[in-house]
Amino acid sequence: MTTAVPFSTPRHANPLPGDAVEAPASLMSGPGRSWQTEPRWRWVEIRLGGQWLPGRVERWRLHQGSPQWVALVRWGPDLLAWAWYLYDPETIRQVPEPAPGSGPTTW
């Protein structure tokens, strides 16, 4: 876990310019509204470690009084490959849902 974001496990300790930004603790604690995207996840590409990785947004959160949405993004088959990130379409971009039997649908 990180000290900045509770309940997240960063996989890229040294973010590169242009990478997705982890959500600060101030947006992850206290009162706030959250929206669950289930039963359908939102497929995305997230920029981490200087590259685009396929992933999915599993949850959204908007802290009360803030206009900044944060997204719980999971990427890859590793169960620990997830974290909360500030939503920015420049670093987390939506992609079409993969066709059945293709893409990262097994995780």
Protein backbone atom coordinates (compact mmCIF):
# COMPACT_ATOMS: atom_id res chain seq x y z
CA MET A 1 0.00 0.00 0.00
CA THR A 2 1.05 3.57 -0.45
CA THR A 3 0.87 6.28 2.15
CA ALA A 4 -0.72 8.66 -0.37
CA VAL A 5 -3.56 6.41 -1.47
CA PRO A 6 -5.13 3.92 0.89
CA PHE A 7 -5.91 0.51 -0.55
CA SER A 8 -3.83 0.86 -3.69
CA THR A 9 -0.73 -0.97 -4.75
CA PRO A 10 1.36 1.02 -7.23
CA ARG A 11 3.19 -1.05 -9.79
CA HIS A 12 5.27 1.81 -11.17
CA ALA A 13 7.17 3.46 -8.33
CA ASN A 14 8.77 6.04 -10.61
CA PRO A 15 6.09 7.55 -12.83
CA LEU A 16 7.23 9.07 -16.08
CA PRO A 17 5.99 12.36 -17.55
CA GLY A 18 2.57 11.74 -19.10
CA ASP A 19 1.71 8.80 -16.83
CA ALA A 20 -1.58 8.55 -14.94
CA VAL A 21 -1.49 10.29 -11.54
CA GLU A 22 -2.42 8.39 -8.40
CA ALA A 23 -5.27 9.94 -6.44
CA PRO A 24 -4.17 11.86 -3.33
CA ALA A 25 -5.39 10.75 0.07
CA SER A 26 -7.48 13.92 0.39
CA LEU A 27 -9.79 12.64 -2.37
CA MET A 28 -9.99 9.13 -0.93
CA SER A 29 -11.11 9.80 2.63
CA GLY A 30 -14.04 11.49 4.27
CA PRO A 31 -17.50 12.01 2.85
CA GLY A 32 -17.97 11.60 -0.82
CA ARG A 33 -20.14 10.12 -3.45
CA SER A 34 -19.06 7.03 -5.35
CA TRP A 35 -20.50 5.33 -8.36
CA GLN A 36 -20.09 1.62 -9.09
CA THR A 37 -19.76 0.84 -12.80
CA GLU A 38 -20.93 -2.76 -12.45
CA PRO A 39 -22.41 -4.85 -13.93
CA ARG A 40 -20.48 -3.52 -16.92
CA TRP A 41 -16.91 -2.34 -16.57
CA ARG A 42 -15.49 0.49 -18.66
CA TRP A 43 -12.57 -0.68 -20.81
CA VAL A 44 -9.67 1.74 -20.93
CA GLU A 45 -6.02 2.14 -21.71
CA ILE A 46 -3.96 3.62 -18.88
CA ARG A 47 -0.55 5.18 -19.29
CA LEU A 48 1.89 3.74 -16.74
CA GLY A 49 5.64 3.47 -16.91
CA GLY A 50 5.67 5.42 -20.17
CA GLN A 51 3.45 2.93 -21.99
CA TRP A 52 -0.26 2.32 -22.60
CA LEU A 53 -1.65 -0.75 -20.84
CA PRO A 54 -5.12 -2.28 -21.35
CA GLY A 55 -7.26 -2.03 -18.26
CA ARG A 56 -10.71 -1.45 -16.88
CA VAL A 57 -12.31 1.08 -14.60
CA GLU A 58 -14.16 -0.77 -11.87
CA ARG A 59 -15.31 2.13 -9.72
CA TRP A 60 -15.58 5.91 -9.81
CA ARG A 61 -15.40 8.26 -6.84
CA LEU A 62 -16.15 11.93 -6.50
CA HIS A 63 -15.20 13.48 -3.19
CA GLN A 64 -17.77 15.88 -1.83
CA GLY A 65 -16.86 19.43 -2.87
CA SER A 66 -14.32 18.37 -5.52
CA PRO A 67 -14.87 18.45 -9.29
CA GLN A 68 -12.11 15.81 -9.78
CA TRP A 69 -13.24 12.24 -10.40
CA VAL A 70 -10.97 9.39 -9.39
CA ALA A 71 -11.14 5.95 -10.98
CA LEU A 72 -10.25 2.53 -9.61
CA VAL A 73 -8.29 1.03 -12.50
CA ARG A 74 -7.24 -2.61 -12.77
CA TRP A 75 -4.79 -3.77 -15.43
CA GLY A 76 -3.39 -7.19 -16.22
CA PRO A 77 -4.06 -10.58 -14.67
CA ASP A 78 -2.09 -9.82 -11.47
CA LEU A 79 -4.63 -9.40 -8.67
CA LEU A 80 -2.47 -6.64 -7.18
CA ALA A 81 -2.30 -4.58 -10.39
CA TRP A 82 -4.81 -1.89 -9.43
CA ALA A 83 -4.91 1.57 -7.92
CA TRP A 84 -7.00 4.73 -7.69
CA TYR A 85 -6.03 7.38 -10.27
CA LEU A 86 -7.14 10.91 -11.05
CA TYR A 87 -9.30 10.66 -14.14
CA ASP A 88 -7.76 12.50 -17.07
CA PRO A 89 -8.64 11.53 -20.66
CA GLU A 90 -4.99 12.19 -21.57
CA THR A 91 -3.78 9.37 -19.29
CA ILE A 92 -6.84 7.12 -18.97
CA ARG A 93 -8.61 6.78 -22.30
CA GLN A 94 -11.72 4.80 -23.03
CA VAL A 95 -11.52 2.10 -25.67
CA PRO A 96 -14.20 -0.06 -27.32
CA GLU A 97 -15.21 -3.20 -25.50
CA PRO A 98 -13.21 -6.18 -26.80
CA ALA A 99 -15.04 -8.71 -28.97
CA PRO A 100 -15.94 -11.92 -27.14
CA GLY A 101 -12.91 -14.23 -26.96
CA SER A 102 -10.37 -11.49 -27.61
CA GLY A 103 -8.60 -8.90 -25.52
CA PRO A 104 -8.13 -8.81 -21.76
CA THR A 105 -11.52 -10.31 -20.91
CA THR A 106 -10.14 -13.16 -18.82
CA TRP A 107 -9.14 -10.86 -15.99
